Amino acid sequence: MSGTPEFEFVKTAACRDKKVGNCPEVATNVPGVVALRESTRPDSIVTMTASDWATLTDAVKAGEFDLSA
């Protein structure tokens, strides 16, 4: 394989509604890598390790990134 891996991005169920115009997408099909992108900017991809993804999602669940605070 050469170049960028072929990520298979998915959206959350809430974002599959055609009325929702912009959603984060996640790909976990490449072993050891989690890729993120915004549906309106599909060429801008951020990657991280599975461990970093777990740390991020734990922090989100704990409210560390609550923008309403």
N, C-alpha and C. Protein backbone atom coordinates (compact mmCIF):
# COMPACT_ATOMS: atom_id res chain seq x y z
N MET A 1 0.85 -1.18 0.00
CA MET A 1 0.00 0.00 0.00
C MET A 1 0.89 1.23 0.00
N SER A 2 0.55 2.20 -0.83
CA SER A 2 1.32 3.43 -0.86
C SER A 2 0.39 4.61 -0.64
N GLY A 3 0.95 5.69 -0.10
CA GLY A 3 0.13 6.88 0.10
C GLY A 3 -0.76 6.77 1.31
N THR A 4 -1.88 7.46 1.25
CA THR A 4 -2.84 7.52 2.34
C THR A 4 -3.69 6.25 2.37
N PRO A 5 -3.92 5.70 3.58
CA PRO A 5 -4.80 4.53 3.65
C PRO A 5 -6.22 4.88 3.19
N GLU A 6 -6.95 3.89 2.77
CA GLU A 6 -8.34 4.09 2.33
C GLU A 6 -9.26 3.99 3.54
N PHE A 7 -9.64 5.13 4.06
CA PHE A 7 -10.51 5.16 5.23
C PHE A 7 -11.96 4.99 4.79
N GLU A 8 -12.73 4.27 5.60
CA GLU A 8 -14.15 4.10 5.37
C GLU A 8 -14.88 4.87 6.46
N PHE A 9 -15.29 6.09 6.14
CA PHE A 9 -15.90 6.99 7.12
C PHE A 9 -17.38 6.67 7.32
N VAL A 10 -17.83 6.81 8.56
CA VAL A 10 -19.24 6.65 8.90
C VAL A 10 -19.69 7.83 9.74
N LYS A 11 -21.00 8.09 9.72
CA LYS A 11 -21.60 9.15 10.53
C LYS A 11 -22.43 8.50 11.63
N THR A 12 -22.70 9.25 12.68
CA THR A 12 -23.61 8.75 13.70
C THR A 12 -25.01 8.66 13.10
N ALA A 13 -25.87 7.89 13.74
CA ALA A 13 -27.23 7.71 13.24
C ALA A 13 -27.96 9.05 13.11
N ALA A 14 -27.76 9.96 14.08
CA ALA A 14 -28.43 11.26 14.04
C ALA A 14 -28.01 12.07 12.81
N CYS A 15 -26.83 11.87 12.33
CA CYS A 15 -26.32 12.64 11.20
C CYS A 15 -26.68 12.03 9.85
N ARG A 16 -27.28 10.89 9.85
CA ARG A 16 -27.66 10.27 8.57
C ARG A 16 -28.94 10.87 7.99
N ASP A 17 -29.60 11.70 8.78
CA ASP A 17 -30.80 12.41 8.33
C ASP A 17 -30.37 13.47 7.32
N LYS A 18 -30.99 13.49 6.16
CA LYS A 18 -30.61 14.44 5.11
C LYS A 18 -30.82 15.90 5.51
N LYS A 19 -31.61 16.15 6.56
CA LYS A 19 -31.84 17.52 7.03
C LYS A 19 -30.62 18.06 7.77
N VAL A 20 -29.75 17.17 8.23
CA VAL A 20 -28.54 17.57 8.95
C VAL A 20 -27.45 17.75 7.91
N GLY A 21 -26.90 18.97 7.80
CA GLY A 21 -25.98 19.24 6.72
C GLY A 21 -24.50 19.05 7.02
N ASN A 22 -24.13 18.95 8.27
CA ASN A 22 -22.72 18.89 8.58
C ASN A 22 -22.51 18.03 9.82
N CYS A 23 -21.70 17.00 9.70
CA CYS A 23 -21.47 16.09 10.82
C CYS A 23 -20.03 15.59 10.84
N PRO A 24 -19.54 15.28 12.03
CA PRO A 24 -18.25 14.61 12.08
C PRO A 24 -18.39 13.18 11.58
N GLU A 25 -17.35 12.70 10.95
CA GLU A 25 -17.31 11.33 10.45
C GLU A 25 -16.07 10.65 11.02
N VAL A 26 -16.20 9.36 11.30
CA VAL A 26 -15.11 8.61 11.92
C VAL A 26 -14.85 7.35 11.10
N ALA A 27 -13.57 7.01 10.96
CA ALA A 27 -13.17 5.76 10.30
C ALA A 27 -12.29 4.97 11.26
N THR A 28 -12.62 3.71 11.44
CA THR A 28 -11.82 2.84 12.30
C THR A 28 -11.39 1.57 11.57
N ASN A 29 -11.47 1.58 10.25
CA ASN A 29 -11.17 0.38 9.48
C ASN A 29 -9.68 0.12 9.25
N VAL A 30 -8.82 1.07 9.54
CA VAL A 30 -7.38 0.87 9.40
C VAL A 30 -6.83 0.52 10.78
N PRO A 31 -6.27 -0.68 10.95
CA PRO A 31 -5.81 -1.12 12.27
C PRO A 31 -4.88 -0.11 12.95
N GLY A 32 -5.22 0.21 14.22
CA GLY A 32 -4.38 1.09 15.03
C GLY A 32 -4.57 2.57 14.77
N VAL A 33 -5.45 2.93 13.82
CA VAL A 33 -5.64 4.33 13.45
C VAL A 33 -7.13 4.67 13.51
N VAL A 34 -7.43 5.84 14.07
CA VAL A 34 -8.77 6.39 14.01
C VAL A 34 -8.65 7.68 13.22
N ALA A 35 -9.51 7.83 12.21
CA ALA A 35 -9.48 9.03 11.36
C ALA A 35 -10.78 9.79 11.55
N LEU A 36 -10.66 11.11 11.58
CA LEU A 36 -11.81 12.00 11.74
C LEU A 36 -11.82 13.01 10.60
N ARG A 37 -13.03 13.38 10.20
CA ARG A 37 -13.18 14.47 9.23
C ARG A 37 -14.55 15.09 9.41
N GLU A 38 -14.72 16.27 8.86
CA GLU A 38 -16.00 16.96 8.86
C GLU A 38 -16.64 16.70 7.50
N SER A 39 -17.93 16.39 7.49
CA SER A 39 -18.57 15.99 6.23
C SER A 39 -18.50 17.08 5.16
N THR A 40 -18.46 18.35 5.56
CA THR A 40 -18.37 19.43 4.57
C THR A 40 -16.93 19.70 4.12
N ARG A 41 -15.96 19.07 4.78
CA ARG A 41 -14.54 19.23 4.42
C ARG A 41 -13.88 17.85 4.36
N PRO A 42 -14.31 17.00 3.45
CA PRO A 42 -13.83 15.62 3.44
C PRO A 42 -12.34 15.43 3.15
N ASP A 43 -11.68 16.44 2.62
CA ASP A 43 -10.25 16.32 2.34
C ASP A 43 -9.37 16.64 3.54
N SER A 44 -9.96 17.19 4.60
CA SER A 44 -9.21 17.51 5.82
C SER A 44 -9.42 16.38 6.82
N ILE A 45 -8.42 15.51 6.93
CA ILE A 45 -8.51 14.33 7.76
C ILE A 45 -7.51 14.42 8.90
N VAL A 46 -7.98 14.15 10.11
CA VAL A 46 -7.13 14.11 11.29
C VAL A 46 -7.05 12.65 11.73
N THR A 47 -5.84 12.17 12.01
CA THR A 47 -5.69 10.80 12.47
C THR A 47 -5.08 10.78 13.86
N MET A 48 -5.38 9.71 14.59
CA MET A 48 -4.81 9.49 15.92
C MET A 48 -4.75 8.00 16.18
N THR A 49 -4.02 7.64 17.22
CA THR A 49 -3.96 6.23 17.60
C THR A 49 -5.26 5.84 18.28
N ALA A 50 -5.51 4.55 18.35
CA ALA A 50 -6.70 4.06 19.05
C ALA A 50 -6.65 4.46 20.53
N SER A 51 -5.48 4.47 21.11
CA SER A 51 -5.32 4.88 22.50
C SER A 51 -5.66 6.35 22.70
N ASP A 52 -5.20 7.20 21.80
CA ASP A 52 -5.54 8.62 21.87
C ASP A 52 -7.04 8.84 21.68
N TRP A 53 -7.66 8.06 20.81
CA TRP A 53 -9.12 8.14 20.59
C TRP A 53 -9.85 7.80 21.88
N ALA A 54 -9.40 6.74 22.57
CA ALA A 54 -10.04 6.35 23.83
C ALA A 54 -9.90 7.46 24.87
N THR A 55 -8.73 8.08 24.92
CA THR A 55 -8.52 9.19 25.86
C THR A 55 -9.45 10.36 25.52
N LEU A 56 -9.55 10.69 24.24
CA LEU A 56 -10.42 11.78 23.81
C LEU A 56 -11.89 11.49 24.14
N THR A 57 -12.36 10.32 23.78
CA THR A 57 -13.78 10.02 24.02
C THR A 57 -14.09 9.95 25.51
N ASP A 58 -13.15 9.47 26.31
CA ASP A 58 -13.36 9.48 27.77
C ASP A 58 -13.48 10.91 28.29
N ALA A 59 -12.64 11.80 27.77
CA ALA A 59 -12.68 13.20 28.19
C ALA A 59 -13.99 13.87 27.77
N VAL A 60 -14.46 13.57 26.57
CA VAL A 60 -15.73 14.13 26.11
C VAL A 60 -16.87 13.64 27.00
N LYS A 61 -16.88 12.34 27.27
CA LYS A 61 -17.93 11.76 28.12
C LYS A 61 -17.91 12.36 29.52
N ALA A 62 -16.72 12.73 30.01
CA ALA A 62 -16.57 13.30 31.35
C ALA A 62 -16.91 14.79 31.38
N GLY A 63 -17.19 15.39 30.22
CA GLY A 63 -17.57 16.80 30.18
C GLY A 63 -16.41 17.77 30.08
N GLU A 64 -15.20 17.28 29.82
CA GLU A 64 -14.05 18.18 29.74
C GLU A 64 -14.16 19.20 28.61
N PHE A 65 -14.91 18.88 27.58
CA PHE A 65 -15.02 19.78 26.44
C PHE A 65 -16.43 20.34 26.31
N ASP A 66 -17.13 20.47 27.41
CA ASP A 66 -18.49 21.00 27.41
C ASP A 66 -18.45 22.48 27.09
N LEU A 67 -18.90 22.85 25.92
CA LEU A 67 -18.83 24.25 25.47
C LEU A 67 -19.92 25.12 26.10
N SER A 68 -20.88 24.50 26.74
CA SER A 68 -21.95 25.28 27.37
C SER A 68 -21.57 25.77 28.75
N ALA A 69 -20.44 25.33 29.25
CA ALA A 69 -20.02 25.72 30.62
C ALA A 69 -19.46 27.12 30.64
